[in-house]
Amino acid sequence: MKLWSKKFWRKWLRLIHRDLGYFFVGITIIYAVSGIILNHKKNGEDPAYRTVKQNYKLEANLSPDQLKTYWGNNFSDYHLNRIIPNSERYDVYLKGGLGKYNPMSGQLEFELYERKQWVYFMNKLHYNSKKGWTLMADIFAVAMLLFALSGMFMVPGKKGITGRGKWLIVIGIILPFLFFL
């Protein structure tokens, strides 16, 4: 088989496409699932966290120090960082959350942000914000480019790049640009 023959190149493109495909299938699944999750964010919220809201009726007219004492006795599961009095309410800052206490009504409301571990893990990889992941992300990006290029030339004839394939490639290139118009 000659080095410059179409048969030679198609054989090697198919081999590279297949074996790299198997090698990168796990990473592809992680990127695909995290991409779907990121595409469907609700109100711009980070999908790697869930918000848990809590409402309590406490005594009215507690001072910040009294509220701190009450908190230590009744909400030991939630770490209180500080309480800041603000005109008509107290802003309550928690580890992993925020809240407010209304001294007039005694109403305490706070919300905690709990991490969804698997979604958090996948998104860290997807956003390339995990230390040391950049090299692997670059290798994966090059592999995706090789998949695209090798896939273009694997199928011969009217179903390949010289036939309908060229039109599908053109549509695939134009379509993303139409969303920016």
C-alpha atoms as a PDB file:
ATOM      1  CA  MET A   1       0.000   0.000   0.000  1.00  0.00           C
ATOM      2  CA  LYS A   2       1.459   3.318  -1.057  1.00  0.00           C
ATOM      3  CA  LEU A   3       1.865   6.189   1.408  1.00  0.00           C
ATOM      4  CA  TRP A   4       0.057   8.646  -0.864  1.00  0.00           C
ATOM      5  CA  SER A   5      -2.870   6.394  -1.756  1.00  0.00           C
ATOM      6  CA  LYS A   6      -6.404   7.203  -0.570  1.00  0.00           C
ATOM      7  CA  LYS A   7      -6.809   3.665   0.754  1.00  0.00           C
ATOM      8  CA  PHE A   8      -3.709   4.036   2.958  1.00  0.00           C
ATOM      9  CA  TRP A   9      -4.912   7.339   4.458  1.00  0.00           C
ATOM     10  CA  ARG A  10      -8.482   6.153   4.979  1.00  0.00           C
ATOM     11  CA  LYS A  11      -7.197   3.089   6.851  1.00  0.00           C
ATOM     12  CA  TRP A  12      -5.018   5.211   9.174  1.00  0.00           C
ATOM     13  CA  LEU A  13      -7.700   7.876   9.671  1.00  0.00           C
ATOM     14  CA  ARG A  14     -10.213   5.183  10.644  1.00  0.00           C
ATOM     15  CA  LEU A  15      -7.712   3.568  13.035  1.00  0.00           C
ATOM     16  CA  ILE A  16      -6.827   6.886  14.724  1.00  0.00           C
ATOM     17  CA  HIS A  17     -10.468   7.974  14.840  1.00  0.00           C
ATOM     18  CA  ARG A  18     -11.569   4.671  16.410  1.00  0.00           C
ATOM     19  CA  ASP A  19      -8.784   4.263  18.967  1.00  0.00           C
ATOM     20  CA  LEU A  20      -8.736   7.900  20.116  1.00  0.00           C
ATOM     21  CA  GLY A  21     -12.519   7.724  20.307  1.00  0.00           C
ATOM     22  CA  TYR A  22     -12.385   4.803  22.706  1.00  0.00           C
ATOM     23  CA  PHE A  23      -9.608   6.421  24.710  1.00  0.00           C
ATOM     24  CA  PHE A  24     -11.518   9.698  25.173  1.00  0.00           C
ATOM     25  CA  VAL A  25     -15.044   8.322  25.627  1.00  0.00           C
ATOM     26  CA  GLY A  26     -15.098   8.974  29.416  1.00  0.00           C
ATOM     27  CA  ILE A  27     -13.938  12.566  29.079  1.00  0.00           C
ATOM     28  CA  THR A  28     -16.399  13.105  26.220  1.00  0.00           C
ATOM     29  CA  ILE A  29     -19.272  11.920  28.425  1.00  0.00           C
ATOM     30  CA  ILE A  30     -18.191  14.214  31.278  1.00  0.00           C
ATOM     31  CA  TYR A  31     -17.910  17.240  28.963  1.00  0.00           C
ATOM     32  CA  ALA A  32     -21.229  16.427  27.290  1.00  0.00           C
ATOM     33  CA  VAL A  33     -23.180  15.978  30.542  1.00  0.00           C
ATOM     34  CA  SER A  34     -21.663  19.064  32.187  1.00  0.00           C
ATOM     35  CA  GLY A  35     -22.309  21.031  28.985  1.00  0.00           C
ATOM     36  CA  ILE A  36     -25.990  20.068  29.083  1.00  0.00           C
ATOM     37  CA  ILE A  37     -26.181  21.023  32.771  1.00  0.00           C
ATOM     38  CA  LEU A  38     -24.489  24.379  32.085  1.00  0.00           C
ATOM     39  CA  ASN A  39     -26.805  25.044  29.127  1.00  0.00           C
ATOM     40  CA  HIS A  40     -29.839  24.781  31.388  1.00  0.00           C
ATOM     41  CA  LYS A  41     -28.897  27.058  34.279  1.00  0.00           C
ATOM     42  CA  LYS A  42     -31.887  28.514  36.090  1.00  0.00           C
ATOM     43  CA  ASN A  43     -31.738  32.288  36.518  1.00  0.00           C
ATOM     44  CA  GLY A  44     -27.962  32.256  35.984  1.00  0.00           C
ATOM     45  CA  GLU A  45     -27.412  30.215  39.170  1.00  0.00           C
ATOM     46  CA  ASP A  46     -24.467  27.851  39.377  1.00  0.00           C
ATOM     47  CA  PRO A  47     -25.909  24.361  38.807  1.00  0.00           C
ATOM     48  CA  ALA A  48     -23.208  22.832  41.016  1.00  0.00           C
ATOM     49  CA  TYR A  49     -25.018  24.156  44.117  1.00  0.00           C
ATOM     50  CA  ARG A  50     -28.486  23.805  45.573  1.00  0.00           C
ATOM     51  CA  THR A  51     -30.067  26.471  47.732  1.00  0.00           C
ATOM     52  CA  VAL A  52     -31.720  25.406  50.985  1.00  0.00           C
ATOM     53  CA  LYS A  53     -33.979  28.068  52.515  1.00  0.00           C
ATOM     54  CA  GLN A  54     -34.823  28.191  56.217  1.00  0.00           C
ATOM     55  CA  ASN A  55     -37.434  30.359  57.989  1.00  0.00           C
ATOM     56  CA  TYR A  56     -37.859  30.689  61.752  1.00  0.00           C
ATOM     57  CA  LYS A  57     -39.937  32.828  64.089  1.00  0.00           C
ATOM     58  CA  LEU A  58     -37.754  34.007  66.975  1.00  0.00           C
ATOM     59  CA  GLU A  59     -38.342  36.463  69.761  1.00  0.00           C
ATOM     60  CA  ALA A  60     -38.675  40.032  68.578  1.00  0.00           C
ATOM     61  CA  ASN A  61     -36.178  42.774  69.501  1.00  0.00           C
ATOM     62  CA  LEU A  62     -33.134  40.542  69.966  1.00  0.00           C
ATOM     63  CA  SER A  63     -29.872  42.488  69.985  1.00  0.00           C
ATOM     64  CA  PRO A  64     -27.041  41.238  67.745  1.00  0.00           C
ATOM     65  CA  ASP A  65     -25.349  39.690  70.806  1.00  0.00           C
ATOM     66  CA  GLN A  66     -28.573  37.987  71.904  1.00  0.00           C
ATOM     67  CA  LEU A  67     -29.112  36.672  68.370  1.00  0.00           C
ATOM     68  CA  LYS A  68     -25.542  35.341  68.347  1.00  0.00           C
ATOM     69  CA  THR A  69     -26.135  33.526  71.653  1.00  0.00           C
ATOM     70  CA  TYR A  70     -29.480  32.173  70.434  1.00  0.00           C
ATOM     71  CA  TRP A  71     -27.790  31.008  67.233  1.00  0.00           C
ATOM     72  CA  GLY A  72     -25.054  29.163  69.120  1.00  0.00           C
ATOM     73  CA  ASN A  73     -27.659  27.366  71.249  1.00  0.00           C
ATOM     74  CA  ASN A  74     -30.137  26.483  68.487  1.00  0.00           C
ATOM     75  CA  PHE A  75     -28.384  26.383  65.107  1.00  0.00           C
ATOM     76  CA  SER A  76     -25.055  24.720  65.848  1.00  0.00           C
ATOM     77  CA  ASP A  77     -25.138  22.930  62.467  1.00  0.00           C
ATOM     78  CA  TYR A  78     -24.807  26.279  60.661  1.00  0.00           C
ATOM     79  CA  HIS A  79     -21.614  28.230  61.332  1.00  0.00           C
ATOM     80  CA  LEU A  80     -22.358  31.905  61.995  1.00  0.00           C
ATOM     81  CA  ASN A  81     -19.629  34.256  60.756  1.00  0.00           C
ATOM     82  CA  ARG A  82     -21.093  37.615  61.739  1.00  0.00           C
ATOM     83  CA  ILE A  83     -24.185  39.728  62.250  1.00  0.00           C
ATOM     84  CA  ILE A  84     -24.321  43.256  60.883  1.00  0.00           C
ATOM     85  CA  PRO A  85     -27.156  45.555  61.965  1.00  0.00           C
ATOM     86  CA  ASN A  86     -28.699  47.316  59.004  1.00  0.00           C
ATOM     87  CA  SER A  87     -31.413  50.008  59.365  1.00  0.00           C
ATOM     88  CA  GLU A  88     -34.478  47.750  59.799  1.00  0.00           C
ATOM     89  CA  ARG A  89     -32.873  44.318  59.933  1.00  0.00           C
ATOM     90  CA  TYR A  90     -29.708  42.426  60.759  1.00  0.00           C
ATOM     91  CA  ASP A  91     -27.724  40.874  57.927  1.00  0.00           C
ATOM     92  CA  VAL A  92     -26.616  37.388  58.936  1.00  0.00           C
ATOM     93  CA  TYR A  93     -23.504  35.948  57.284  1.00  0.00           C
ATOM     94  CA  LEU A  94     -22.986  32.207  57.488  1.00  0.00           C
ATOM     95  CA  LYS A  95     -20.368  29.832  56.231  1.00  0.00           C
ATOM     96  CA  GLY A  96     -21.900  28.913  52.884  1.00  0.00           C
ATOM     97  CA  GLY A  97     -24.973  31.109  53.202  1.00  0.00           C
ATOM     98  CA  LEU A  98     -26.705  34.402  53.933  1.00  0.00           C
ATOM     99  CA  GLY A  99     -29.670  35.516  55.945  1.00  0.00           C
ATOM    100  CA  LYS A 100     -31.536  38.311  57.647  1.00  0.00           C
ATOM    101  CA  TYR A 101     -33.262  38.817  60.953  1.00  0.00           C
ATOM    102  CA  ASN A 102     -36.068  41.327  61.386  1.00  0.00           C
ATOM    103  CA  PRO A 103     -35.968  42.535  65.026  1.00  0.00           C
ATOM    104  CA  MET A 104     -39.455  44.045  64.755  1.00  0.00           C
ATOM    105  CA  SER A 105     -41.179  40.768  63.820  1.00  0.00           C
ATOM    106  CA  GLY A 106     -38.607  38.229  65.048  1.00  0.00           C
ATOM    107  CA  GLN A 107     -38.543  36.666  61.574  1.00  0.00           C
ATOM    108  CA  LEU A 108     -35.250  34.928  60.721  1.00  0.00           C
ATOM    109  CA  GLU A 109     -34.654  33.834  57.138  1.00  0.00           C
ATOM    110  CA  PHE A 110     -31.477  32.371  55.740  1.00  0.00           C
ATOM    111  CA  GLU A 111     -30.331  30.259  52.853  1.00  0.00           C
ATOM    112  CA  LEU A 112     -27.442  27.851  52.555  1.00  0.00           C
ATOM    113  CA  TYR A 113     -25.666  26.852  49.373  1.00  0.00           C
ATOM    114  CA  GLU A 114     -24.877  23.144  49.331  1.00  0.00           C
ATOM    115  CA  ARG A 115     -22.500  21.695  46.763  1.00  0.00           C
ATOM    116  CA  LYS A 116     -23.707  18.923  44.446  1.00  0.00           C
ATOM    117  CA  GLN A 117     -20.450  16.974  44.391  1.00  0.00           C
ATOM    118  CA  TRP A 118     -20.690  15.245  40.991  1.00  0.00           C
ATOM    119  CA  VAL A 119     -21.963  18.320  39.165  1.00  0.00           C
ATOM    120  CA  TYR A 120     -19.297  20.437  40.871  1.00  0.00           C
ATOM    121  CA  PHE A 121     -16.579  17.981  39.791  1.00  0.00           C
ATOM    122  CA  MET A 122     -17.749  17.881  36.168  1.00  0.00           C
ATOM    123  CA  ASN A 123     -18.118  21.661  35.955  1.00  0.00           C
ATOM    124  CA  LYS A 124     -14.626  22.244  37.393  1.00  0.00           C
ATOM    125  CA  LEU A 125     -13.259  20.117  34.544  1.00  0.00           C
ATOM    126  CA  HIS A 126     -15.537  21.761  31.966  1.00  0.00           C
ATOM    127  CA  TYR A 127     -14.536  25.283  33.036  1.00  0.00           C
ATOM    128  CA  ASN A 128     -10.883  24.151  33.178  1.00  0.00           C
ATOM    129  CA  SER A 129     -10.633  25.492  36.711  1.00  0.00           C
ATOM    130  CA  LYS A 130      -9.015  22.427  38.248  1.00  0.00           C
ATOM    131  CA  LYS A 131      -5.298  22.890  38.765  1.00  0.00           C
ATOM    132  CA  GLY A 132      -3.243  20.723  36.431  1.00  0.00           C
ATOM    133  CA  TRP A 133      -6.157  19.994  34.067  1.00  0.00           C
ATOM    134  CA  THR A 134      -5.132  22.459  31.316  1.00  0.00           C
ATOM    135  CA  LEU A 135      -2.742  20.054  29.575  1.00  0.00           C
ATOM    136  CA  MET A 136      -5.360  17.290  29.512  1.00  0.00           C
ATOM    137  CA  ALA A 137      -8.023  19.748  28.298  1.00  0.00           C
ATOM    138  CA  ASP A 138      -5.699  20.870  25.486  1.00  0.00           C
ATOM    139  CA  ILE A 139      -4.972  17.264  24.506  1.00  0.00           C
ATOM    140  CA  PHE A 140      -8.703  16.570  24.485  1.00  0.00           C
ATOM    141  CA  ALA A 141      -9.356  19.666  22.339  1.00  0.00           C
ATOM    142  CA  VAL A 142      -6.718  18.524  19.818  1.00  0.00           C
ATOM    143  CA  ALA A 143      -8.305  15.056  19.831  1.00  0.00           C
ATOM    144  CA  MET A 144     -11.708  16.618  19.061  1.00  0.00           C
ATOM    145  CA  LEU A 145     -10.097  18.452  16.155  1.00  0.00           C
ATOM    146  CA  LEU A 146      -8.559  15.171  14.929  1.00  0.00           C
ATOM    147  CA  PHE A 147     -11.962  13.462  15.208  1.00  0.00           C
ATOM    148  CA  ALA A 148     -13.536  16.190  13.108  1.00  0.00           C
ATOM    149  CA  LEU A 149     -10.806  16.150  10.456  1.00  0.00           C
ATOM    150  CA  SER A 150     -10.411  12.374  10.261  1.00  0.00           C
ATOM    151  CA  GLY A 151     -14.177  11.936  10.154  1.00  0.00           C
ATOM    152  CA  MET A 152     -14.406  14.250   7.138  1.00  0.00           C
ATOM    153  CA  PHE A 153     -12.170  12.026   5.009  1.00  0.00           C
ATOM    154  CA  MET A 154     -13.119   8.521   6.147  1.00  0.00           C
ATOM    155  CA  VAL A 155     -16.207   8.089   3.959  1.00  0.00           C
ATOM    156  CA  PRO A 156     -15.555   8.023   0.200  1.00  0.00           C
ATOM    157  CA  GLY A 157     -17.873   8.992  -2.635  1.00  0.00           C
ATOM    158  CA  LYS A 158     -21.191  10.812  -2.760  1.00  0.00           C
ATOM    159  CA  LYS A 159     -21.811  10.390   0.994  1.00  0.00           C
ATOM    160  CA  GLY A 160     -18.352  11.725   1.865  1.00  0.00           C
ATOM    161  CA  ILE A 161     -16.696  15.125   1.699  1.00  0.00           C
ATOM    162  CA  THR A 162     -16.866  15.283  -2.107  1.00  0.00           C
ATOM    163  CA  GLY A 163     -20.619  14.663  -2.056  1.00  0.00           C
ATOM    164  CA  ARG A 164     -23.219  15.740   0.484  1.00  0.00           C
ATOM    165  CA  GLY A 165     -20.585  15.886   3.234  1.00  0.00           C
ATOM    166  CA  LYS A 166     -19.240  19.233   1.983  1.00  0.00           C
ATOM    167  CA  TRP A 167     -22.718  20.801   2.229  1.00  0.00           C
ATOM    168  CA  LEU A 168     -23.266  19.483   5.729  1.00  0.00           C
ATOM    169  CA  ILE A 169     -19.865  20.907   6.750  1.00  0.00           C
ATOM    170  CA  VAL A 170     -20.805  24.322   5.309  1.00  0.00           C
ATOM    171  CA  ILE A 171     -24.147  24.262   7.166  1.00  0.00           C
ATOM    172  CA  GLY A 172     -22.367  23.218  10.362  1.00  0.00           C
ATOM    173  CA  ILE A 173     -19.998  26.180  10.044  1.00  0.00           C
ATOM    174  CA  ILE A 174     -22.688  28.745   9.139  1.00  0.00           C
ATOM    175  CA  LEU A 175     -25.276  27.704  11.752  1.00  0.00           C
ATOM    176  CA  PRO A 176     -23.371  28.981  14.843  1.00  0.00           C
ATOM    177  CA  PHE A 177     -22.773  32.336  13.130  1.00  0.00           C
ATOM    178  CA  LEU A 178     -26.506  32.760  12.464  1.00  0.00           C
ATOM    179  CA  PHE A 179     -27.095  32.919  16.224  1.00  0.00           C
ATOM    180  CA  PHE A 180     -24.887  36.024  16.438  1.00  0.00           C
ATOM    181  CA  LEU A 181     -26.810  37.973  13.787  1.00  0.00           C
END
